[in-house]
């Protein structure tokens, strides 16, 4: 059996697409992702991997890069970020539960992103560790930086960046150091590759295996 991709349009912001990778077996884990049109198809890679059946719920990014940044990173537009956060954290999860009958505890739930949505995954994960037990962040940007004081309750965090993207590698390392200082369960990997390279997709399987086995 093969998994399938399902795309539907939710009412947020005049209509926002969400693409879901539905595994061939009943999901035992779930990953919510920004940049969903990129990340949701990576679910097919999990079918050949030794990981639990994992659903990916990916909200689509905007084509306008500045509007995307304002949704994904609280420092650019706090009000816009909060609106999108409510959609991502509440509306999309409620829809996924209603549409697919999947609602799992935090230890079986992760939030994932790459580049700007890597910042989104960190921001949302730190704000809602009771919902997302793990954060996957590939090549995060520098808009959202580690706060001076991190929360007491922290999710597990998997960071990765490429050798040919020094700006993003430095940002990922900054987060890794801050999280380790707060005694979080964190791993940080440096892979051969540039921003947007195939290592993002390759790393996704390792991320899910690290958290969900």
Protein backbone atom coordinates (compact mmCIF):
# COMPACT_ATOMS: atom_id res chain seq x y z
CA UNK A 1 0.00 0.00 0.00
CA UNK A 2 1.00 3.59 -0.65
CA UNK A 3 0.25 6.73 1.26
CA UNK A 4 -1.65 9.55 -0.41
CA UNK A 5 -1.63 13.34 -0.55
CA UNK A 6 -4.86 15.21 0.18
CA UNK A 7 -5.14 18.97 -0.41
CA UNK A 8 -8.04 21.08 0.82
CA UNK A 9 -8.60 24.82 1.20
CA UNK A 10 -9.45 26.19 4.64
CA UNK A 11 -11.16 29.51 5.23
CA UNK A 12 -8.20 31.38 6.74
CA UNK A 13 -7.14 34.64 5.04
CA UNK A 14 -9.54 34.27 2.12
CA UNK A 15 -8.58 30.63 1.57
CA UNK A 16 -5.41 28.80 2.53
CA UNK A 17 -4.47 25.37 1.19
CA UNK A 18 -3.37 22.55 3.47
CA UNK A 19 -1.75 19.41 2.05
CA UNK A 20 -1.77 16.25 4.13
CA UNK A 21 0.32 13.14 3.65
CA UNK A 22 -1.84 10.24 4.82
CA UNK A 23 0.25 7.12 5.52
CA UNK A 24 -0.97 3.70 4.37
CA UNK A 25 -1.46 2.57 7.98
CA UNK A 26 -3.26 4.40 10.77
CA UNK A 27 -0.99 7.24 11.95
CA UNK A 28 0.92 6.69 15.16
CA UNK A 29 2.61 10.10 14.91
CA UNK A 30 1.82 13.45 13.31
CA UNK A 31 3.96 16.34 12.05
CA UNK A 32 2.51 19.81 11.47
CA UNK A 33 4.54 21.86 9.01
CA UNK A 34 4.78 25.29 7.48
CA UNK A 35 5.73 25.44 3.78
CA UNK A 36 3.40 22.48 3.46
CA UNK A 37 3.43 22.22 -0.33
CA UNK A 38 7.16 21.46 -0.02
CA UNK A 39 7.20 19.25 3.08
CA UNK A 40 4.04 17.13 2.86
CA UNK A 41 5.29 15.11 -0.17
CA UNK A 42 8.32 14.03 1.87
CA UNK A 43 5.99 11.60 3.60
CA UNK A 44 6.51 9.08 0.82
CA UNK A 45 10.15 8.75 1.95
CA UNK A 46 8.94 7.47 5.31
CA UNK A 47 7.24 4.46 3.74
CA UNK A 48 10.61 2.75 3.18
CA UNK A 49 12.06 3.88 6.53
CA UNK A 50 11.86 2.14 9.87
CA UNK A 51 9.60 4.71 11.51
CA UNK A 52 6.08 4.65 12.85
CA UNK A 53 3.31 5.54 10.37
CA UNK A 54 3.42 9.34 10.37
CA UNK A 55 0.90 11.84 9.04
CA UNK A 56 2.17 15.22 7.78
CA UNK A 57 -0.21 18.19 7.88
CA UNK A 58 1.36 21.01 5.87
CA UNK A 59 -0.09 24.52 5.63
CA UNK A 60 0.92 26.23 2.40
CA UNK A 61 3.25 29.23 2.37
CA UNK A 62 2.48 32.50 0.64
CA UNK A 63 4.26 33.42 -2.60
CA UNK A 64 4.98 36.92 -1.28
CA UNK A 65 8.17 36.50 0.78
CA UNK A 66 7.60 39.49 3.08
CA UNK A 67 4.05 38.39 3.91
CA UNK A 68 5.41 34.89 4.56
CA UNK A 69 7.99 36.29 6.99
CA UNK A 70 5.34 38.32 8.80
CA UNK A 71 3.28 35.17 9.35
CA UNK A 72 6.19 32.96 10.37
CA UNK A 73 8.33 35.25 12.53
CA UNK A 74 6.88 37.24 15.46
CA UNK A 75 9.51 40.01 15.36
CA UNK A 76 8.34 41.34 11.98
CA UNK A 77 4.62 41.74 12.72
CA UNK A 78 3.43 40.45 16.07
CA UNK A 79 -0.28 40.82 15.25
CA UNK A 80 0.00 39.02 11.92
CA UNK A 81 2.08 36.27 13.50
CA UNK A 82 -0.55 35.82 16.23
CA UNK A 83 -3.33 35.50 13.63
CA UNK A 84 -1.41 32.85 11.71
CA UNK A 85 -0.37 31.13 14.94
CA UNK A 86 -4.03 30.71 15.93
CA UNK A 87 -4.79 29.26 12.49
CA UNK A 88 -1.79 26.92 12.55
CA UNK A 89 -2.05 25.75 16.16
CA UNK A 90 -5.82 25.67 16.64
CA UNK A 91 -7.75 25.66 13.36
CA UNK A 92 -5.51 23.30 11.41
CA UNK A 93 -5.25 20.80 14.28
CA UNK A 94 -9.02 20.87 14.80
CA UNK A 95 -9.57 20.36 11.07
CA UNK A 96 -7.11 17.46 10.93
CA UNK A 97 -8.84 15.77 13.85
CA UNK A 98 -12.27 16.24 12.28
CA UNK A 99 -11.23 15.33 8.73
CA UNK A 100 -8.93 12.38 9.45
CA UNK A 101 -9.82 11.36 12.99
CA UNK A 102 -6.25 11.89 14.18
CA UNK A 103 -5.43 13.58 17.49
CA UNK A 104 -2.27 12.48 19.28
CA UNK A 105 -0.53 13.51 22.52
CA UNK A 106 2.46 15.86 22.49
CA UNK A 107 4.99 13.03 22.64
CA UNK A 108 3.66 11.81 19.27
CA UNK A 109 3.34 15.28 17.71
CA UNK A 110 6.02 17.46 16.10
CA UNK A 111 6.18 20.80 14.31
CA UNK A 112 8.50 21.18 11.32
CA UNK A 113 9.85 23.94 9.12
CA UNK A 114 12.66 24.99 6.83
CA UNK A 115 14.28 28.43 6.50
CA UNK A 116 11.58 30.96 7.53
CA UNK A 117 9.21 28.18 8.53
CA UNK A 118 12.12 26.78 10.55
CA UNK A 119 11.71 29.93 12.62
CA UNK A 120 7.97 29.26 12.76
CA UNK A 121 8.57 25.75 14.10
CA UNK A 122 10.85 27.09 16.84
CA UNK A 123 8.50 29.93 17.79
CA UNK A 124 5.39 27.75 17.87
CA UNK A 125 7.17 24.83 19.51
CA UNK A 126 8.52 26.96 22.35
CA UNK A 127 5.14 28.60 22.89
CA UNK A 128 3.19 25.33 22.85
CA UNK A 129 5.32 22.49 24.26
CA UNK A 130 2.14 20.94 25.63
CA UNK A 131 1.01 20.39 22.01
CA UNK A 132 4.27 19.78 20.14
CA UNK A 133 6.65 17.46 21.89
CA UNK A 134 9.32 17.97 19.23
CA UNK A 135 10.55 20.68 16.88
CA UNK A 136 12.23 20.01 13.54
CA UNK A 137 14.04 23.09 12.23
CA UNK A 138 16.19 23.05 9.10
CA UNK A 139 18.30 26.10 8.25
CA UNK A 140 16.33 28.57 10.39
CA UNK A 141 16.55 32.27 9.57
CA UNK A 142 17.72 34.93 11.99
CA UNK A 143 14.52 36.89 12.59
CA UNK A 144 13.46 34.86 15.61
CA UNK A 145 16.39 34.46 17.99
CA UNK A 146 16.62 32.56 21.28
CA UNK A 147 15.05 34.62 24.09
CA UNK A 148 17.24 35.62 27.01
CA UNK A 149 15.24 33.28 29.23
CA UNK A 150 13.88 30.10 27.69
CA UNK A 151 10.72 28.42 29.04
CA UNK A 152 11.08 25.80 31.73
CA UNK A 153 9.14 23.22 29.70
CA UNK A 154 10.88 22.69 26.37
CA UNK A 155 10.17 20.34 23.46
CA UNK A 156 12.84 18.09 21.99
CA UNK A 157 14.60 19.95 19.16
CA UNK A 158 16.30 18.66 16.02
CA UNK A 159 18.35 21.29 14.15
CA UNK A 160 20.21 20.94 10.86
CA UNK A 161 21.95 23.28 8.42
CA UNK A 162 24.26 23.04 5.43
CA UNK A 163 27.99 23.60 5.10
CA UNK A 164 27.41 25.99 2.17
CA UNK A 165 24.93 28.26 3.95
CA UNK A 166 27.06 29.83 6.71
CA UNK A 167 24.42 32.41 7.69
CA UNK A 168 21.81 29.72 8.40
CA UNK A 169 24.35 27.36 9.92
CA UNK A 170 25.27 30.09 12.40
CA UNK A 171 21.60 30.60 13.28
CA UNK A 172 21.03 26.89 13.84
CA UNK A 173 24.16 26.70 16.00
CA UNK A 174 23.00 29.71 18.03
CA UNK A 175 19.76 27.89 18.80
CA UNK A 176 21.51 24.64 19.61
CA UNK A 177 23.82 26.36 22.10
CA UNK A 178 20.95 28.23 23.76
CA UNK A 179 18.79 25.12 24.07
CA UNK A 180 21.65 23.06 25.45
CA UNK A 181 22.24 25.79 28.00
CA UNK A 182 18.61 25.40 29.07
CA UNK A 183 19.11 21.60 29.36
CA UNK A 184 16.79 20.81 26.46
CA UNK A 185 17.02 17.52 24.57
CA UNK A 186 18.56 18.88 21.36
CA UNK A 187 20.64 17.60 18.47
CA UNK A 188 22.40 19.67 15.82
CA UNK A 189 23.75 18.38 12.51
CA UNK A 190 25.85 20.04 9.85
CA UNK A 191 25.30 18.49 6.42
CA UNK A 192 26.92 19.00 3.03
CA UNK A 193 24.67 21.33 1.07
CA UNK A 194 23.36 24.81 0.36
CA UNK A 195 20.13 26.57 1.31
CA UNK A 196 17.18 24.69 -0.07
CA UNK A 197 19.31 21.71 -0.99
CA UNK A 198 18.17 18.09 -1.06
CA UNK A 199 19.62 17.51 2.42
CA UNK A 200 16.43 19.06 3.86
CA UNK A 201 14.32 16.25 2.49
CA UNK A 202 16.90 13.61 3.34
CA UNK A 203 17.06 14.90 6.90
CA UNK A 204 13.32 14.72 7.40
CA UNK A 205 13.37 10.93 7.65
CA UNK A 206 16.15 11.14 10.25
CA UNK A 207 14.11 13.71 12.19
CA UNK A 208 11.05 11.50 12.38
CA UNK A 209 13.13 8.46 13.28
CA UNK A 210 14.86 10.41 16.08
CA UNK A 211 11.57 11.35 17.69
CA UNK A 212 9.15 8.59 16.76
CA UNK A 213 11.39 5.59 16.13
